[in-house]
Amino acid sequence: MKVRTFLLRRLIYSLFVLFGLSLLIFIIARVVPGDPARMALGPRAPQWAVDNLTQQLNLDKPIYIQYLLWLKGVFHGDLGLSLLSRRPVLEDIMQFLPATLEVILLALVIETIGGIILGALSARYSGNWFDSVVRLIAYLGIVTPAFVWAIIFMLVFGYLWPILPTLGRLSSFVTQPPAVTGFMTIDSLLAGDIQAFWDAFKHLIMPAVALAMGGTAQATRITRSSMTDTLEKDYVWAEKANGIPMRAIMLKYVLRPSLIPTVSIIGLDVAAMLGNAFLVELVFNYPGFSRYGINAMLSKDINAIIAVIMIIGVTFVFVNILVDLIISVLDPRIRLQRGV
C-alpha cells in the first residue's frame, strides 16, 4: 500500500510538472521570431497559401485558444501536423522514436555493466596500475563529447579496420523486416530473419558505444569513489578482521550500498540521451528521434518541437520515479524515510 501511495503522489506531482512544461514550451514555440507557415511553404509561396496554412494551424487565434485546442488534441491522441514531413506528428514519433530507443537501450546496458564492473575493480585494486589506467580512461571518457567518439569509431572500425557498418539502420542488401514494434532487431527476430537481426545489431554497436562512453566513464568514477568510501567503514574493517573473504565483502556488503549514486547518475544520463543523441545520429546518418527533433527546431516545426520536448520531459519524470524505486530497494533506510 505504501508503494502505491508513493507512486500515486509522484504521478500527481509529475502531472503538474508536465502541465507547466507544456505551457512553457507552447508559449516559447509561439513567440520565437519567424512565421512557421511561411518557413514551411518557402519565401516564394503566395500569401493566400500562407494564410490558409496559418488558419489550418490555428495560428490566427489568441495563444490561449491555441493552447486549449492543442491540449484537447493531445487528449484525443492528436499532436498536430508536422510542417517538416507534412504528416501527423504522432506518425513521425512512432517511426523515429523506436530507432533512438534501440540505441539508448543498448547504450544503457553498456553503461551499466561497464561502469559498475570497472568502478568496482578500480576500487578493489585502488592505488595500483589497473586503477590508474581505469581512472585515465574515465577522465578521457568524460571530457570527450559523444560525437567525437562517434567520429573516432567510424574512422577506426568503419575505414581503417572495416568490421562494422557506419551508416543507417540496415544495409542496402538486407531486406527490411515488416514493422511491428519499430525496433529493427526485434522485428527481425519476429520475422525469423537472423541475417537482418545480425546486420541491424551491428549497425547499433558504434552509435550505442559512442553514446555510452561519457556515461560509462562517469558511472565508473562514481562507483569507484563510493566503494572506496564504503571500504573505510567500520563494519567493513570488522568483516575483514573476522576473516571474511574480500570477494564476499565486496559483492555482499560493499557493492550494494555503493550503487545508490551510480543508479541516480545512470538514470539521469539515460533520460538525457534522448535529447543528446542528435550529433551521434548525424554522424552515422541514423534516422532517429533526436535528429528529427533538431530538424524540427531548425525549421520551426512548432507541433513537432512541442511533442519532442514533452516526450523528453515524460522520460525524465518516468526515469526519476524508477530511480527512486530502485534506490529504495538498494537501501532500506531510504525506503523507511520515504514511506515506500
C-alpha atoms as a PDB file:
ATOM      1  CA  MET A   1       0.000   0.000   0.000  1.00  0.00           C
ATOM      2  CA  LYS A   2       2.867   2.364   0.789  1.00  0.00           C
ATOM      3  CA  VAL A   3       4.354   1.776  -2.643  1.00  0.00           C
ATOM      4  CA  ARG A   4       1.005   2.605  -4.268  1.00  0.00           C
ATOM      5  CA  THR A   5       0.716   5.779  -2.204  1.00  0.00           C
ATOM      6  CA  PHE A   6       4.248   6.806  -3.144  1.00  0.00           C
ATOM      7  CA  LEU A   7       3.635   6.187  -6.840  1.00  0.00           C
ATOM      8  CA  LEU A   8       0.303   7.987  -6.786  1.00  0.00           C
ATOM      9  CA  ARG A   9       1.846  11.002  -5.073  1.00  0.00           C
ATOM     10  CA  ARG A  10       4.741  11.133  -7.531  1.00  0.00           C
ATOM     11  CA  LEU A  11       2.419  10.772 -10.507  1.00  0.00           C
ATOM     12  CA  ILE A  12       0.246  13.656  -9.311  1.00  0.00           C
ATOM     13  CA  TYR A  13       3.322  15.862  -8.855  1.00  0.00           C
ATOM     14  CA  SER A  14       4.564  14.773 -12.278  1.00  0.00           C
ATOM     15  CA  LEU A  15       1.304  15.780 -13.948  1.00  0.00           C
ATOM     16  CA  PHE A  16       1.691  19.312 -12.597  1.00  0.00           C
ATOM     17  CA  VAL A  17       5.304  19.410 -13.801  1.00  0.00           C
ATOM     18  CA  LEU A  18       4.364  18.215 -17.276  1.00  0.00           C
ATOM     19  CA  PHE A  19       1.488  20.684 -17.452  1.00  0.00           C
ATOM     20  CA  GLY A  20       3.855  23.531 -16.607  1.00  0.00           C
ATOM     21  CA  LEU A  21       6.393  22.259 -19.132  1.00  0.00           C
ATOM     22  CA  SER A  22       3.794  22.049 -21.894  1.00  0.00           C
ATOM     23  CA  LEU A  23       2.582  25.571 -21.174  1.00  0.00           C
ATOM     24  CA  LEU A  24       6.115  26.978 -21.138  1.00  0.00           C
ATOM     25  CA  ILE A  25       7.230  25.223 -24.321  1.00  0.00           C
ATOM     26  CA  PHE A  26       3.998  26.119 -26.104  1.00  0.00           C
ATOM     27  CA  ILE A  27       4.450  29.817 -25.366  1.00  0.00           C
ATOM     28  CA  ILE A  28       8.150  29.818 -26.293  1.00  0.00           C
ATOM     29  CA  ALA A  29       7.473  27.998 -29.579  1.00  0.00           C
ATOM     30  CA  ARG A  30       4.836  30.594 -30.478  1.00  0.00           C
ATOM     31  CA  VAL A  31       6.750  33.773 -29.553  1.00  0.00           C
ATOM     32  CA  VAL A  32      10.080  32.854 -31.191  1.00  0.00           C
ATOM     33  CA  PRO A  33      10.590  35.136 -34.235  1.00  0.00           C
ATOM     34  CA  GLY A  34       9.630  33.664 -37.582  1.00  0.00           C
ATOM     35  CA  ASP A  35       6.384  32.688 -39.263  1.00  0.00           C
ATOM     36  CA  PRO A  36       6.048  28.874 -39.186  1.00  0.00           C
ATOM     37  CA  ALA A  37       3.653  28.874 -42.144  1.00  0.00           C
ATOM     38  CA  ARG A  38       5.985  31.000 -44.257  1.00  0.00           C
ATOM     39  CA  MET A  39       9.007  28.890 -43.296  1.00  0.00           C
ATOM     40  CA  ALA A  40       7.129  25.716 -44.209  1.00  0.00           C
ATOM     41  CA  LEU A  41       5.946  26.951 -47.620  1.00  0.00           C
ATOM     42  CA  GLY A  42       9.052  28.906 -48.554  1.00  0.00           C
ATOM     43  CA  PRO A  43       9.663  32.563 -49.423  1.00  0.00           C
ATOM     44  CA  ARG A  44       8.077  32.291 -52.911  1.00  0.00           C
ATOM     45  CA  ALA A  45       4.748  30.880 -51.745  1.00  0.00           C
ATOM     46  CA  PRO A  46       1.755  33.157 -52.378  1.00  0.00           C
ATOM     47  CA  GLN A  47       0.267  34.946 -49.417  1.00  0.00           C
ATOM     48  CA  TRP A  48      -3.074  33.183 -49.751  1.00  0.00           C
ATOM     49  CA  ALA A  49      -1.373  29.799 -49.270  1.00  0.00           C
ATOM     50  CA  VAL A  50       0.420  31.105 -46.164  1.00  0.00           C
ATOM     51  CA  ASP A  51      -2.883  32.431 -44.806  1.00  0.00           C
ATOM     52  CA  ASN A  52      -4.619  29.091 -45.403  1.00  0.00           C
ATOM     53  CA  LEU A  53      -1.866  27.183 -43.580  1.00  0.00           C
ATOM     54  CA  THR A  54      -1.952  29.729 -40.766  1.00  0.00           C
ATOM     55  CA  GLN A  55      -5.679  29.109 -40.311  1.00  0.00           C
ATOM     56  CA  GLN A  56      -5.183  25.343 -40.541  1.00  0.00           C
ATOM     57  CA  LEU A  57      -2.628  25.510 -37.695  1.00  0.00           C
ATOM     58  CA  ASN A  58      -4.876  27.906 -35.683  1.00  0.00           C
ATOM     59  CA  LEU A  59      -2.038  30.432 -35.583  1.00  0.00           C
ATOM     60  CA  ASP A  60      -4.509  33.245 -36.277  1.00  0.00           C
ATOM     61  CA  LYS A  61      -6.221  32.664 -32.919  1.00  0.00           C
ATOM     62  CA  PRO A  62      -5.149  34.016 -29.489  1.00  0.00           C
ATOM     63  CA  ILE A  63      -2.378  31.992 -27.888  1.00  0.00           C
ATOM     64  CA  TYR A  64      -4.554  30.706 -25.025  1.00  0.00           C
ATOM     65  CA  ILE A  65      -7.095  29.408 -27.552  1.00  0.00           C
ATOM     66  CA  GLN A  66      -4.265  27.730 -29.457  1.00  0.00           C
ATOM     67  CA  TYR A  67      -3.082  26.041 -26.263  1.00  0.00           C
ATOM     68  CA  LEU A  68      -6.552  24.797 -25.340  1.00  0.00           C
ATOM     69  CA  LEU A  69      -7.062  23.410 -28.843  1.00  0.00           C
ATOM     70  CA  TRP A  70      -3.653  21.718 -28.689  1.00  0.00           C
ATOM     71  CA  LEU A  71      -4.413  20.275 -25.238  1.00  0.00           C
ATOM     72  CA  LYS A  72      -7.754  18.966 -26.477  1.00  0.00           C
ATOM     73  CA  GLY A  73      -5.985  17.310 -29.384  1.00  0.00           C
ATOM     74  CA  VAL A  74      -3.447  15.672 -27.057  1.00  0.00           C
ATOM     75  CA  PHE A  75      -6.222  14.044 -25.024  1.00  0.00           C
ATOM     76  CA  HIS A  76      -7.584  12.646 -28.300  1.00  0.00           C
ATOM     77  CA  GLY A  77      -4.198  11.363 -29.440  1.00  0.00           C
ATOM     78  CA  ASP A  78      -3.651  14.180 -31.939  1.00  0.00           C
ATOM     79  CA  LEU A  79      -0.308  16.005 -31.631  1.00  0.00           C
ATOM     80  CA  GLY A  80      -0.903  18.142 -34.679  1.00  0.00           C
ATOM     81  CA  LEU A  81       0.532  18.245 -38.188  1.00  0.00           C
ATOM     82  CA  SER A  82       4.277  18.345 -38.816  1.00  0.00           C
ATOM     83  CA  LEU A  83       5.266  21.155 -41.159  1.00  0.00           C
ATOM     84  CA  LEU A  84       8.501  19.343 -41.969  1.00  0.00           C
ATOM     85  CA  SER A  85       7.168  15.931 -43.010  1.00  0.00           C
ATOM     86  CA  ARG A  86       3.564  17.011 -43.765  1.00  0.00           C
ATOM     87  CA  ARG A  87       2.358  14.053 -41.704  1.00  0.00           C
ATOM     88  CA  PRO A  88       0.753  13.828 -38.250  1.00  0.00           C
ATOM     89  CA  VAL A  89       3.430  14.309 -35.604  1.00  0.00           C
ATOM     90  CA  LEU A  90       2.322  11.108 -33.881  1.00  0.00           C
ATOM     91  CA  GLU A  91       3.181   9.112 -37.013  1.00  0.00           C
ATOM     92  CA  ASP A  92       6.639  10.682 -37.130  1.00  0.00           C
ATOM     93  CA  ILE A  93       7.243   9.845 -33.482  1.00  0.00           C
ATOM     94  CA  MET A  94       6.100   6.257 -33.963  1.00  0.00           C
ATOM     95  CA  GLN A  95       8.627   5.976 -36.789  1.00  0.00           C
ATOM     96  CA  PHE A  96      11.666   7.715 -35.295  1.00  0.00           C
ATOM     97  CA  LEU A  97      11.369   7.139 -31.531  1.00  0.00           C
ATOM     98  CA  PRO A  98      11.904   3.328 -31.577  1.00  0.00           C
ATOM     99  CA  ALA A  99      15.123   3.807 -33.564  1.00  0.00           C
ATOM    100  CA  THR A 100      16.633   6.049 -30.904  1.00  0.00           C
ATOM    101  CA  LEU A 101      15.283   3.936 -28.040  1.00  0.00           C
ATOM    102  CA  GLU A 102      17.005   0.925 -29.586  1.00  0.00           C
ATOM    103  CA  VAL A 103      20.346   2.729 -29.428  1.00  0.00           C
ATOM    104  CA  ILE A 104      19.690   4.067 -25.928  1.00  0.00           C
ATOM    105  CA  LEU A 105      18.764   0.652 -24.517  1.00  0.00           C
ATOM    106  CA  LEU A 106      21.993  -0.888 -25.816  1.00  0.00           C
ATOM    107  CA  ALA A 107      23.921   2.129 -24.518  1.00  0.00           C
ATOM    108  CA  LEU A 108      22.229   1.653 -21.119  1.00  0.00           C
ATOM    109  CA  VAL A 109      23.383  -1.973 -20.967  1.00  0.00           C
ATOM    110  CA  ILE A 110      26.942  -0.962 -21.880  1.00  0.00           C
ATOM    111  CA  GLU A 111      26.966   1.936 -19.428  1.00  0.00           C
ATOM    112  CA  THR A 112      25.518  -0.027 -16.516  1.00  0.00           C
ATOM    113  CA  ILE A 113      27.635  -3.163 -16.869  1.00  0.00           C
ATOM    114  CA  GLY A 114      30.814  -1.358 -17.906  1.00  0.00           C
ATOM    115  CA  GLY A 115      30.565   1.438 -15.332  1.00  0.00           C
ATOM    116  CA  ILE A 116      29.799  -0.819 -12.362  1.00  0.00           C
ATOM    117  CA  ILE A 117      32.374  -3.506 -13.217  1.00  0.00           C
ATOM    118  CA  LEU A 118      35.196  -1.049 -13.980  1.00  0.00           C
ATOM    119  CA  GLY A 119      34.367   1.075 -10.927  1.00  0.00           C
ATOM    120  CA  ALA A 120      34.225  -1.954  -8.620  1.00  0.00           C
ATOM    121  CA  LEU A 121      37.521  -3.369  -9.916  1.00  0.00           C
ATOM    122  CA  SER A 122      39.164   0.041  -9.689  1.00  0.00           C
ATOM    123  CA  ALA A 123      38.070   0.363  -6.046  1.00  0.00           C
ATOM    124  CA  ARG A 124      39.156  -3.200  -5.283  1.00  0.00           C
ATOM    125  CA  TYR A 125      42.658  -2.589  -6.660  1.00  0.00           C
ATOM    126  CA  SER A 126      42.870   1.054  -5.636  1.00  0.00           C
ATOM    127  CA  GLY A 127      46.335   2.528  -6.000  1.00  0.00           C
ATOM    128  CA  ASN A 128      47.849   0.024  -8.444  1.00  0.00           C
ATOM    129  CA  TRP A 129      48.411   0.255 -12.204  1.00  0.00           C
ATOM    130  CA  PHE A 130      44.932  -1.066 -13.078  1.00  0.00           C
ATOM    131  CA  ASP A 131      43.274   1.664 -11.021  1.00  0.00           C
ATOM    132  CA  SER A 132      45.433   4.306 -12.729  1.00  0.00           C
ATOM    133  CA  VAL A 133      44.533   3.041 -16.205  1.00  0.00           C
ATOM    134  CA  VAL A 134      40.791   2.936 -15.426  1.00  0.00           C
ATOM    135  CA  ARG A 135      40.864   6.453 -13.969  1.00  0.00           C
ATOM    136  CA  LEU A 136      42.703   7.761 -17.039  1.00  0.00           C
ATOM    137  CA  ILE A 137      40.191   6.155 -19.378  1.00  0.00           C
ATOM    138  CA  ALA A 138      37.340   7.535 -17.264  1.00  0.00           C
ATOM    139  CA  TYR A 139      38.724  11.072 -17.484  1.00  0.00           C
ATOM    140  CA  LEU A 140      39.063  10.735 -21.264  1.00  0.00           C
ATOM    141  CA  GLY A 141      35.508   9.455 -21.490  1.00  0.00           C
ATOM    142  CA  ILE A 142      34.110  12.372 -19.506  1.00  0.00           C
ATOM    143  CA  VAL A 143      35.918  15.196 -21.328  1.00  0.00           C
ATOM    144  CA  THR A 144      35.393  13.801 -24.847  1.00  0.00           C
ATOM    145  CA  PRO A 145      31.956  14.520 -26.398  1.00  0.00           C
ATOM    146  CA  ALA A 146      29.922  11.636 -27.760  1.00  0.00           C
ATOM    147  CA  PHE A 147      30.128  12.849 -31.358  1.00  0.00           C
ATOM    148  CA  VAL A 148      33.943  12.824 -31.166  1.00  0.00           C
ATOM    149  CA  TRP A 149      33.840   9.180 -30.082  1.00  0.00           C
ATOM    150  CA  ALA A 150      31.425   8.570 -32.957  1.00  0.00           C
ATOM    151  CA  ILE A 151      33.901  10.017 -35.469  1.00  0.00           C
ATOM    152  CA  ILE A 152      36.790   8.053 -33.947  1.00  0.00           C
ATOM    153  CA  PHE A 153      34.853   4.789 -34.056  1.00  0.00           C
ATOM    154  CA  MET A 154      33.781   5.466 -37.637  1.00  0.00           C
ATOM    155  CA  LEU A 155      37.394   6.066 -38.731  1.00  0.00           C
ATOM    156  CA  VAL A 156      38.784   3.047 -36.859  1.00  0.00           C
ATOM    157  CA  PHE A 157      36.067   0.415 -37.246  1.00  0.00           C
ATOM    158  CA  GLY A 158      34.482   1.695 -40.453  1.00  0.00           C
ATOM    159  CA  TYR A 159      37.510   2.554 -42.592  1.00  0.00           C
ATOM    160  CA  LEU A 160      40.883   1.579 -41.089  1.00  0.00           C
ATOM    161  CA  TRP A 161      39.546  -1.754 -39.807  1.00  0.00           C
ATOM    162  CA  PRO A 162      36.172  -2.151 -41.563  1.00  0.00           C
ATOM    163  CA  ILE A 163      34.349  -4.642 -39.376  1.00  0.00           C
ATOM    164  CA  LEU A 164      31.206  -2.621 -38.581  1.00  0.00           C
ATOM    165  CA  PRO A 165      28.729  -0.729 -40.794  1.00  0.00           C
ATOM    166  CA  THR A 166      28.811   3.038 -40.462  1.00  0.00           C
ATOM    167  CA  LEU A 167      25.542   4.433 -41.837  1.00  0.00           C
ATOM    168  CA  GLY A 168      21.825   3.885 -41.301  1.00  0.00           C
ATOM    169  CA  ARG A 169      19.956   1.108 -39.506  1.00  0.00           C
ATOM    170  CA  LEU A 170      20.231  -1.662 -42.087  1.00  0.00           C
ATOM    171  CA  SER A 171      22.488  -2.464 -45.028  1.00  0.00           C
ATOM    172  CA  SER A 172      21.110  -1.934 -48.543  1.00  0.00           C
ATOM    173  CA  PHE A 173      21.471  -5.603 -49.453  1.00  0.00           C
ATOM    174  CA  VAL A 174      19.369  -6.764 -46.477  1.00  0.00           C
ATOM    175  CA  THR A 175      15.590  -6.885 -46.760  1.00  0.00           C
ATOM    176  CA  GLN A 176      13.887  -4.774 -44.110  1.00  0.00           C
ATOM    177  CA  PRO A 177      11.556  -6.856 -41.902  1.00  0.00           C
ATOM    178  CA  PRO A 178       7.883  -5.906 -41.534  1.00  0.00           C
ATOM    179  CA  ALA A 179       7.461  -3.113 -38.988  1.00  0.00           C
ATOM    180  CA  VAL A 180       5.752  -4.441 -35.874  1.00  0.00           C
ATOM    181  CA  THR A 181       7.429  -2.788 -32.886  1.00  0.00           C
ATOM    182  CA  GLY A 182       9.660  -0.293 -34.723  1.00  0.00           C
ATOM    183  CA  PHE A 183      12.727  -1.920 -33.168  1.00  0.00           C
ATOM    184  CA  MET A 184      14.692  -3.320 -36.092  1.00  0.00           C
ATOM    185  CA  THR A 185      16.311  -6.107 -34.088  1.00  0.00           C
ATOM    186  CA  ILE A 186      13.041  -7.265 -32.519  1.00  0.00           C
ATOM    187  CA  ASP A 187      11.142  -7.060 -35.813  1.00  0.00           C
ATOM    188  CA  SER A 188      13.879  -9.144 -37.456  1.00  0.00           C
ATOM    189  CA  LEU A 189      13.542 -11.829 -34.806  1.00  0.00           C
ATOM    190  CA  LEU A 190       9.758 -11.793 -35.096  1.00  0.00           C
ATOM    191  CA  ALA A 191      10.136 -12.313 -38.841  1.00  0.00           C
ATOM    192  CA  GLY A 192      12.652 -15.102 -38.266  1.00  0.00           C
ATOM    193  CA  ASP A 193      15.302 -13.245 -40.289  1.00  0.00           C
ATOM    194  CA  ILE A 194      18.595 -13.860 -38.481  1.00  0.00           C
ATOM    195  CA  GLN A 195      20.616 -12.090 -41.182  1.00  0.00           C
ATOM    196  CA  ALA A 196      18.593  -8.897 -40.760  1.00  0.00           C
ATOM    197  CA  PHE A 197      18.861  -9.169 -36.961  1.00  0.00           C
ATOM    198  CA  TRP A 198      22.643  -9.515 -37.033  1.00  0.00           C
ATOM    199  CA  ASP A 199      23.008  -6.691 -39.558  1.00  0.00           C
ATOM    200  CA  ALA A 200      20.721  -4.388 -37.548  1.00  0.00           C
ATOM    201  CA  PHE A 201      22.606  -5.226 -34.348  1.00  0.00           C
ATOM    202  CA  LYS A 202      25.947  -4.399 -35.973  1.00  0.00           C
ATOM    203  CA  HIS A 203      24.528  -1.034 -37.055  1.00  0.00           C
ATOM    204  CA  LEU A 204      23.656  -0.338 -33.392  1.00  0.00           C
ATOM    205  CA  ILE A 205      27.081  -1.065 -31.904  1.00  0.00           C
ATOM    206  CA  MET A 206      29.034   2.064 -32.813  1.00  0.00           C
ATOM    207  CA  PRO A 207      26.240   4.614 -32.110  1.00  0.00           C
ATOM    208  CA  ALA A 208      25.430   2.919 -28.788  1.00  0.00           C
ATOM    209  CA  VAL A 209      29.055   2.695 -27.636  1.00  0.00           C
ATOM    210  CA  ALA A 210      29.725   6.313 -28.647  1.00  0.00           C
ATOM    211  CA  LEU A 211      26.621   7.450 -26.778  1.00  0.00           C
ATOM    212  CA  ALA A 212      27.531   5.380 -23.701  1.00  0.00           C
ATOM    213  CA  MET A 213      31.178   6.445 -23.383  1.00  0.00           C
ATOM    214  CA  GLY A 214      30.576   9.551 -21.280  1.00  0.00           C
ATOM    215  CA  GLY A 215      28.023   7.893 -19.008  1.00  0.00           C
ATOM    216  CA  THR A 216      30.197   4.804 -18.561  1.00  0.00           C
ATOM    217  CA  ALA A 217      33.138   6.957 -17.545  1.00  0.00           C
ATOM    218  CA  GLN A 218      31.001   8.918 -15.088  1.00  0.00           C
ATOM    219  CA  ALA A 219      29.476   5.741 -13.627  1.00  0.00           C
ATOM    220  CA  THR A 220      32.962   4.257 -13.267  1.00  0.00           C
ATOM    221  CA  ARG A 221      34.281   7.234 -11.322  1.00  0.00           C
ATOM    222  CA  ILE A 222      31.240   7.496  -9.066  1.00  0.00           C
ATOM    223  CA  THR A 223      31.165   3.738  -8.367  1.00  0.00           C
ATOM    224  CA  ARG A 224      34.870   3.742  -7.555  1.00  0.00           C
ATOM    225  CA  SER A 225      34.581   6.781  -5.279  1.00  0.00           C
ATOM    226  CA  SER A 226      31.519   5.414  -3.471  1.00  0.00           C
ATOM    227  CA  MET A 227      33.013   1.950  -2.985  1.00  0.00           C
ATOM    228  CA  THR A 228      36.312   3.400  -1.781  1.00  0.00           C
ATOM    229  CA  ASP A 229      34.458   5.359   0.904  1.00  0.00           C
ATOM    230  CA  THR A 230      32.403   2.300   1.871  1.00  0.00           C
ATOM    231  CA  LEU A 231      35.557   0.187   2.221  1.00  0.00           C
ATOM    232  CA  GLU A 232      36.662   2.531   5.016  1.00  0.00           C
ATOM    233  CA  LYS A 233      33.507   1.940   7.080  1.00  0.00           C
ATOM    234  CA  ASP A 234      33.891   0.304  10.487  1.00  0.00           C
ATOM    235  CA  TYR A 235      31.691  -2.669   9.638  1.00  0.00           C
ATOM    236  CA  VAL A 236      33.914  -3.487   6.642  1.00  0.00           C
ATOM    237  CA  TRP A 237      37.020  -3.492   8.860  1.00  0.00           C
ATOM    238  CA  ALA A 238      35.171  -5.758  11.288  1.00  0.00           C
ATOM    239  CA  GLU A 239      34.325  -8.165   8.484  1.00  0.00           C
ATOM    240  CA  LYS A 240      37.962  -8.214   7.389  1.00  0.00           C
ATOM    241  CA  ALA A 241      39.047  -8.891  10.968  1.00  0.00           C
ATOM    242  CA  ASN A 242      36.627 -11.829  11.174  1.00  0.00           C
ATOM    243  CA  GLY A 243      38.321 -13.415   8.164  1.00  0.00           C
ATOM    244  CA  ILE A 244      35.523 -12.963   5.626  1.00  0.00           C
ATOM    245  CA  PRO A 245      36.991 -13.240   2.109  1.00  0.00           C
ATOM    246  CA  MET A 246      37.469  -9.896   0.363  1.00  0.00           C
ATOM    247  CA  ARG A 247      35.479 -11.038  -2.639  1.00  0.00           C
ATOM    248  CA  ALA A 248      32.460 -11.790  -0.457  1.00  0.00           C
ATOM    249  CA  ILE A 249      32.809  -8.447   1.328  1.00  0.00           C
ATOM    250  CA  MET A 250      32.923  -6.559  -1.980  1.00  0.00           C
ATOM    251  CA  LEU A 251      29.940  -8.313  -3.523  1.00  0.00           C
ATOM    252  CA  LYS A 252      27.673  -8.650  -0.487  1.00  0.00           C
ATOM    253  CA  TYR A 253      28.418  -5.717   1.807  1.00  0.00           C
ATOM    254  CA  VAL A 254      30.142  -3.008  -0.238  1.00  0.00           C
ATOM    255  CA  LEU A 255      28.731  -3.036  -3.772  1.00  0.00           C
ATOM    256  CA  ARG A 256      25.018  -2.748  -2.996  1.00  0.00           C
ATOM    257  CA  PRO A 257      25.068   0.397  -0.802  1.00  0.00           C
ATOM    258  CA  SER A 258      27.665   1.943  -3.112  1.00  0.00           C
ATOM    259  CA  LEU A 259      25.390   1.705  -6.145  1.00  0.00           C
ATOM    260  CA  ILE A 260      22.946   4.385  -4.969  1.00  0.00           C
ATOM    261  CA  PRO A 261      24.765   7.393  -6.508  1.00  0.00           C
ATOM    262  CA  THR A 262      25.618   5.311  -9.570  1.00  0.00           C
ATOM    263  CA  VAL A 263      21.976   4.414 -10.199  1.00  0.00           C
ATOM    264  CA  SER A 264      20.996   8.075  -9.846  1.00  0.00           C
ATOM    265  CA  ILE A 265      23.586   9.211 -12.379  1.00  0.00           C
ATOM    266  CA  ILE A 266      22.772   6.444 -14.852  1.00  0.00           C
ATOM    267  CA  GLY A 267      19.063   7.238 -14.614  1.00  0.00           C
ATOM    268  CA  LEU A 268      19.576  10.929 -15.364  1.00  0.00           C
ATOM    269  CA  ASP A 269      22.032  10.100 -18.134  1.00  0.00           C
ATOM    270  CA  VAL A 270      19.620   7.702 -19.831  1.00  0.00           C
ATOM    271  CA  ALA A 271      16.906  10.356 -19.854  1.00  0.00           C
ATOM    272  CA  ALA A 272      19.368  12.933 -21.203  1.00  0.00           C
ATOM    273  CA  MET A 273      20.454  10.571 -24.002  1.00  0.00           C
ATOM    274  CA  LEU A 274      17.077  11.018 -25.653  1.00  0.00           C
ATOM    275  CA  GLY A 275      17.841  14.675 -26.299  1.00  0.00           C
ATOM    276  CA  ASN A 276      21.624  14.466 -26.672  1.00  0.00           C
ATOM    277  CA  ALA A 277      21.834  11.733 -29.291  1.00  0.00           C
ATOM    278  CA  PHE A 278      21.335  14.024 -32.286  1.00  0.00           C
ATOM    279  CA  LEU A 279      25.040  14.537 -33.081  1.00  0.00           C
ATOM    280  CA  VAL A 280      25.720  10.805 -32.888  1.00  0.00           C
ATOM    281  CA  GLU A 281      22.732  10.161 -35.156  1.00  0.00           C
ATOM    282  CA  LEU A 282      24.005  12.848 -37.511  1.00  0.00           C
ATOM    283  CA  VAL A 283      27.488  11.290 -37.744  1.00  0.00           C
ATOM    284  CA  PHE A 284      26.097   7.820 -38.505  1.00  0.00           C
ATOM    285  CA  ASN A 285      23.204   9.144 -40.643  1.00  0.00           C
ATOM    286  CA  TYR A 286      20.906   7.333 -38.235  1.00  0.00           C
ATOM    287  CA  PRO A 287      17.183   8.126 -38.705  1.00  0.00           C
ATOM    288  CA  GLY A 288      16.358   8.654 -35.046  1.00  0.00           C
ATOM    289  CA  PHE A 289      14.141  10.731 -32.794  1.00  0.00           C
ATOM    290  CA  SER A 290      16.821  13.189 -31.672  1.00  0.00           C
ATOM    291  CA  ARG A 291      17.780  14.052 -35.230  1.00  0.00           C
ATOM    292  CA  TYR A 292      14.096  14.533 -36.035  1.00  0.00           C
ATOM    293  CA  GLY A 293      13.778  16.934 -33.092  1.00  0.00           C
ATOM    294  CA  ILE A 294      16.748  19.058 -34.168  1.00  0.00           C
ATOM    295  CA  ASN A 295      15.435  19.301 -37.733  1.00  0.00           C
ATOM    296  CA  ALA A 296      12.069  20.360 -36.324  1.00  0.00           C
ATOM    297  CA  MET A 297      13.697  23.130 -34.279  1.00  0.00           C
ATOM    298  CA  LEU A 298      15.722  24.387 -37.241  1.00  0.00           C
ATOM    299  CA  SER A 299      12.555  24.503 -39.365  1.00  0.00           C
ATOM    300  CA  LYS A 300      10.402  25.912 -36.546  1.00  0.00           C
ATOM    301  CA  ASP A 301       8.050  22.956 -36.849  1.00  0.00           C
ATOM    302  CA  ILE A 302       6.120  24.024 -33.765  1.00  0.00           C
ATOM    303  CA  ASN A 303       3.944  20.938 -33.280  1.00  0.00           C
ATOM    304  CA  ALA A 304       6.920  18.629 -33.663  1.00  0.00           C
ATOM    305  CA  ILE A 305       9.028  20.764 -31.291  1.00  0.00           C
ATOM    306  CA  ILE A 306       6.403  20.635 -28.554  1.00  0.00           C
ATOM    307  CA  ALA A 307       5.900  16.884 -28.983  1.00  0.00           C
ATOM    308  CA  VAL A 308       9.647  16.141 -28.872  1.00  0.00           C
ATOM    309  CA  ILE A 309      10.244  18.205 -25.733  1.00  0.00           C
ATOM    310  CA  MET A 310       7.197  16.770 -23.994  1.00  0.00           C
ATOM    311  CA  ILE A 311       8.363  13.215 -24.700  1.00  0.00           C
ATOM    312  CA  ILE A 312      11.779  14.054 -23.268  1.00  0.00           C
ATOM    313  CA  GLY A 313      10.048  15.559 -20.218  1.00  0.00           C
ATOM    314  CA  VAL A 314       7.890  12.451 -19.736  1.00  0.00           C
ATOM    315  CA  THR A 315      11.024  10.317 -19.995  1.00  0.00           C
ATOM    316  CA  PHE A 316      12.769  12.339 -17.270  1.00  0.00           C
ATOM    317  CA  VAL A 317       9.729  12.021 -14.998  1.00  0.00           C
ATOM    318  CA  PHE A 318       9.384   8.277 -15.553  1.00  0.00           C
ATOM    319  CA  VAL A 319      13.097   7.607 -15.077  1.00  0.00           C
ATOM    320  CA  ASN A 320      13.214   9.677 -11.866  1.00  0.00           C
ATOM    321  CA  ILE A 321      10.346   7.661 -10.373  1.00  0.00           C
ATOM    322  CA  LEU A 322      12.010   4.416 -11.437  1.00  0.00           C
ATOM    323  CA  VAL A 323      15.347   5.515  -9.930  1.00  0.00           C
ATOM    324  CA  ASP A 324      13.649   6.346  -6.626  1.00  0.00           C
ATOM    325  CA  LEU A 325      12.110   2.871  -6.520  1.00  0.00           C
ATOM    326  CA  ILE A 326      15.437   1.176  -7.299  1.00  0.00           C
ATOM    327  CA  ILE A 327      17.248   3.216  -4.649  1.00  0.00           C
ATOM    328  CA  SER A 328      14.606   2.340  -2.066  1.00  0.00           C
ATOM    329  CA  VAL A 329      15.281  -1.341  -2.814  1.00  0.00           C
ATOM    330  CA  LEU A 330      19.055  -0.899  -2.537  1.00  0.00           C
ATOM    331  CA  ASP A 331      18.861   0.941   0.801  1.00  0.00           C
ATOM    332  CA  PRO A 332      16.017   0.047   3.234  1.00  0.00           C
ATOM    333  CA  ARG A 333      16.740   3.190   5.274  1.00  0.00           C
ATOM    334  CA  ILE A 334      15.663   5.344   2.345  1.00  0.00           C
ATOM    335  CA  ARG A 335      12.566   3.179   1.924  1.00  0.00           C
ATOM    336  CA  LEU A 336      11.609   3.791   5.548  1.00  0.00           C
ATOM    337  CA  GLN A 337      12.261   7.536   5.371  1.00  0.00           C
ATOM    338  CA  ARG A 338      10.140   7.958   2.233  1.00  0.00           C
ATOM    339  CA  GLY A 339       7.455   5.554   3.351  1.00  0.00           C
ATOM    340  CA  VAL A 340       7.912   3.335   0.295  1.00  0.00           C
END
